[in-house]
Protein backbone atom coordinates (compact mmCIF):
# COMPACT_ATOMS: atom_id res chain seq x y z
CA MET A 1 -14.83 -5.46 0.13
CA SER A 2 -12.70 -5.62 3.26
CA ASP A 3 -12.79 -3.56 6.40
CA ARG A 4 -11.33 -0.27 5.30
CA GLY A 5 -11.96 3.38 5.56
CA PRO A 6 -12.43 5.74 2.64
CA ILE A 7 -9.55 6.43 0.30
CA GLU A 8 -8.40 9.99 0.84
CA TYR A 9 -6.43 11.95 -1.75
CA ASP A 10 -3.97 14.78 -1.05
CA ILE A 11 -3.69 16.90 -4.18
CA GLU A 12 -0.57 18.72 -2.91
CA THR A 13 1.46 15.53 -2.49
CA ASN A 14 -0.38 13.46 -5.13
CA THR A 15 -0.84 10.75 -2.50
CA TYR A 16 -3.71 8.43 -1.65
CA ARG A 17 -4.24 7.21 1.93
CA VAL A 18 -6.50 4.51 3.32
CA GLN A 19 -6.83 2.76 6.68
CA TYR A 20 -7.33 -1.01 6.90
CA ASP A 21 -7.92 -3.39 9.76
CA PHE A 22 -5.10 -5.89 9.29
CA ALA A 23 -6.85 -8.25 11.72
CA SER A 24 -9.54 -8.64 9.03
CA VAL A 25 -7.51 -8.51 5.81
CA GLU A 26 -3.94 -9.48 4.98
CA PRO A 27 -1.73 -6.46 4.19
CA SER A 28 -0.83 -7.77 0.72
CA VAL A 29 -4.53 -8.15 -0.13
CA ALA A 30 -5.18 -4.64 1.21
CA VAL A 31 -2.44 -3.24 -1.05
CA VAL A 32 -3.95 -4.92 -4.12
CA GLU A 33 -7.46 -3.72 -3.21
CA THR A 34 -6.14 -0.18 -2.79
CA LEU A 35 -4.35 -0.28 -6.15
CA GLU A 36 -7.52 -1.63 -7.78
CA SER A 37 -9.52 1.29 -6.41
CA ILE A 38 -6.95 3.93 -7.31
CA THR A 39 -6.35 2.69 -10.84
CA GLU A 40 -9.97 1.58 -11.38
CA ARG A 41 -8.69 -1.75 -12.71
CA GLU A 42 -9.38 -5.35 -11.75
CA SER A 43 -6.52 -7.12 -9.98
CA ALA A 44 -6.21 -9.56 -12.90
CA THR A 45 -5.28 -6.65 -15.18
CA LEU A 46 -2.70 -5.17 -12.79
CA PRO A 47 0.93 -6.34 -12.85
CA PRO A 48 1.38 -8.98 -10.13
CA LEU A 49 2.45 -7.64 -6.75
CA TYR A 50 5.05 -10.41 -6.46
CA GLU A 51 7.02 -8.80 -9.29
CA VAL A 52 8.09 -6.05 -6.87
CA ILE A 53 7.72 -7.51 -3.36
CA ASP A 54 7.11 -10.88 -1.74
CA PRO A 55 3.44 -10.67 -0.64
CA GLU A 56 3.87 -13.41 2.00
CA GLY A 57 6.95 -11.65 3.38
CA LEU A 58 5.03 -8.37 3.59
CA ASP A 59 2.21 -10.12 5.47
CA THR A 60 4.64 -11.85 7.83
CA VAL A 61 6.48 -8.65 8.76
CA LEU A 62 3.28 -6.72 9.39
CA GLU A 63 1.62 -9.59 11.28
CA HIS A 64 4.70 -9.76 13.53
CA ALA A 65 4.35 -6.03 14.24
CA GLN A 66 0.72 -6.63 15.25
CA ARG A 67 1.69 -9.38 17.68
CA THR A 68 4.51 -7.39 19.26
CA ARG A 69 2.57 -4.12 19.41
CA HIS A 70 5.17 -2.24 17.35
CA THR A 71 2.56 -1.19 14.84
CA GLN A 72 3.25 2.54 14.99
CA HIS A 73 7.00 2.00 14.41
CA LEU A 74 6.94 -0.24 11.36
CA THR A 75 6.63 0.87 7.75
CA VAL A 76 7.44 -0.99 4.56
CA SER A 77 7.86 1.01 1.34
CA PHE A 78 8.31 -0.27 -2.18
CA ARG A 79 7.90 0.95 -5.73
CA TYR A 80 5.02 -0.54 -7.67
CA HIS A 81 5.36 0.71 -11.23
CA GLU A 82 4.37 4.43 -11.16
CA PHE A 83 3.59 4.37 -7.43
CA LEU A 84 5.51 4.45 -4.16
CA VAL A 85 3.53 2.26 -1.76
CA THR A 86 4.07 2.61 2.00
CA VAL A 87 2.35 0.17 4.34
CA SER A 88 2.40 0.92 8.07
CA GLY A 89 1.90 -1.54 10.87
CA ASP A 90 -1.11 0.43 12.10
CA GLY A 91 -3.02 -0.45 8.91
CA THR A 92 -2.33 2.73 6.96
CA ILE A 93 -1.52 2.39 3.28
CA GLU A 94 -0.18 5.40 1.38
CA VAL A 95 0.21 5.34 -2.38
CA ALA A 96 2.16 8.23 -3.87
CA VAL A 97 2.16 8.81 -7.60
CA ILE A 98 5.75 9.01 -8.81
CA ASP A 99 6.32 11.68 -11.41
CA ASP A 100 9.48 10.57 -13.21
CA GLU A 101 9.37 13.69 -15.39
CA ASP A 102 10.03 15.92 -12.37
CA SER A 103 13.04 13.88 -11.26
CA SER A 104 14.56 13.91 -14.77
CA ASP A 105 14.54 17.73 -14.88
CA GLU A 106 17.09 18.00 -12.04
């Protein structure tokens, strides 16, 4: 397992949060590891990340933020099936569970 803190869960927002050290693990790998932990599934059984975002592009953008010290200003968000994943340049990954039933009631 990579350098990461514990996965925290906020019941009010239905959101998971974890802190990674992107100097030790690529952001795309950290996202997959986080999704594995949250869903309790092996990465081989999860839909591929590349179906929703270019993993190499995600890594490149976040690595650039690390080199330019803009880590606190950069976030990348994307939908991964029933989740909204937000990756911040400071190593924070937030995974919010999307409840499509709530949005269809409006």
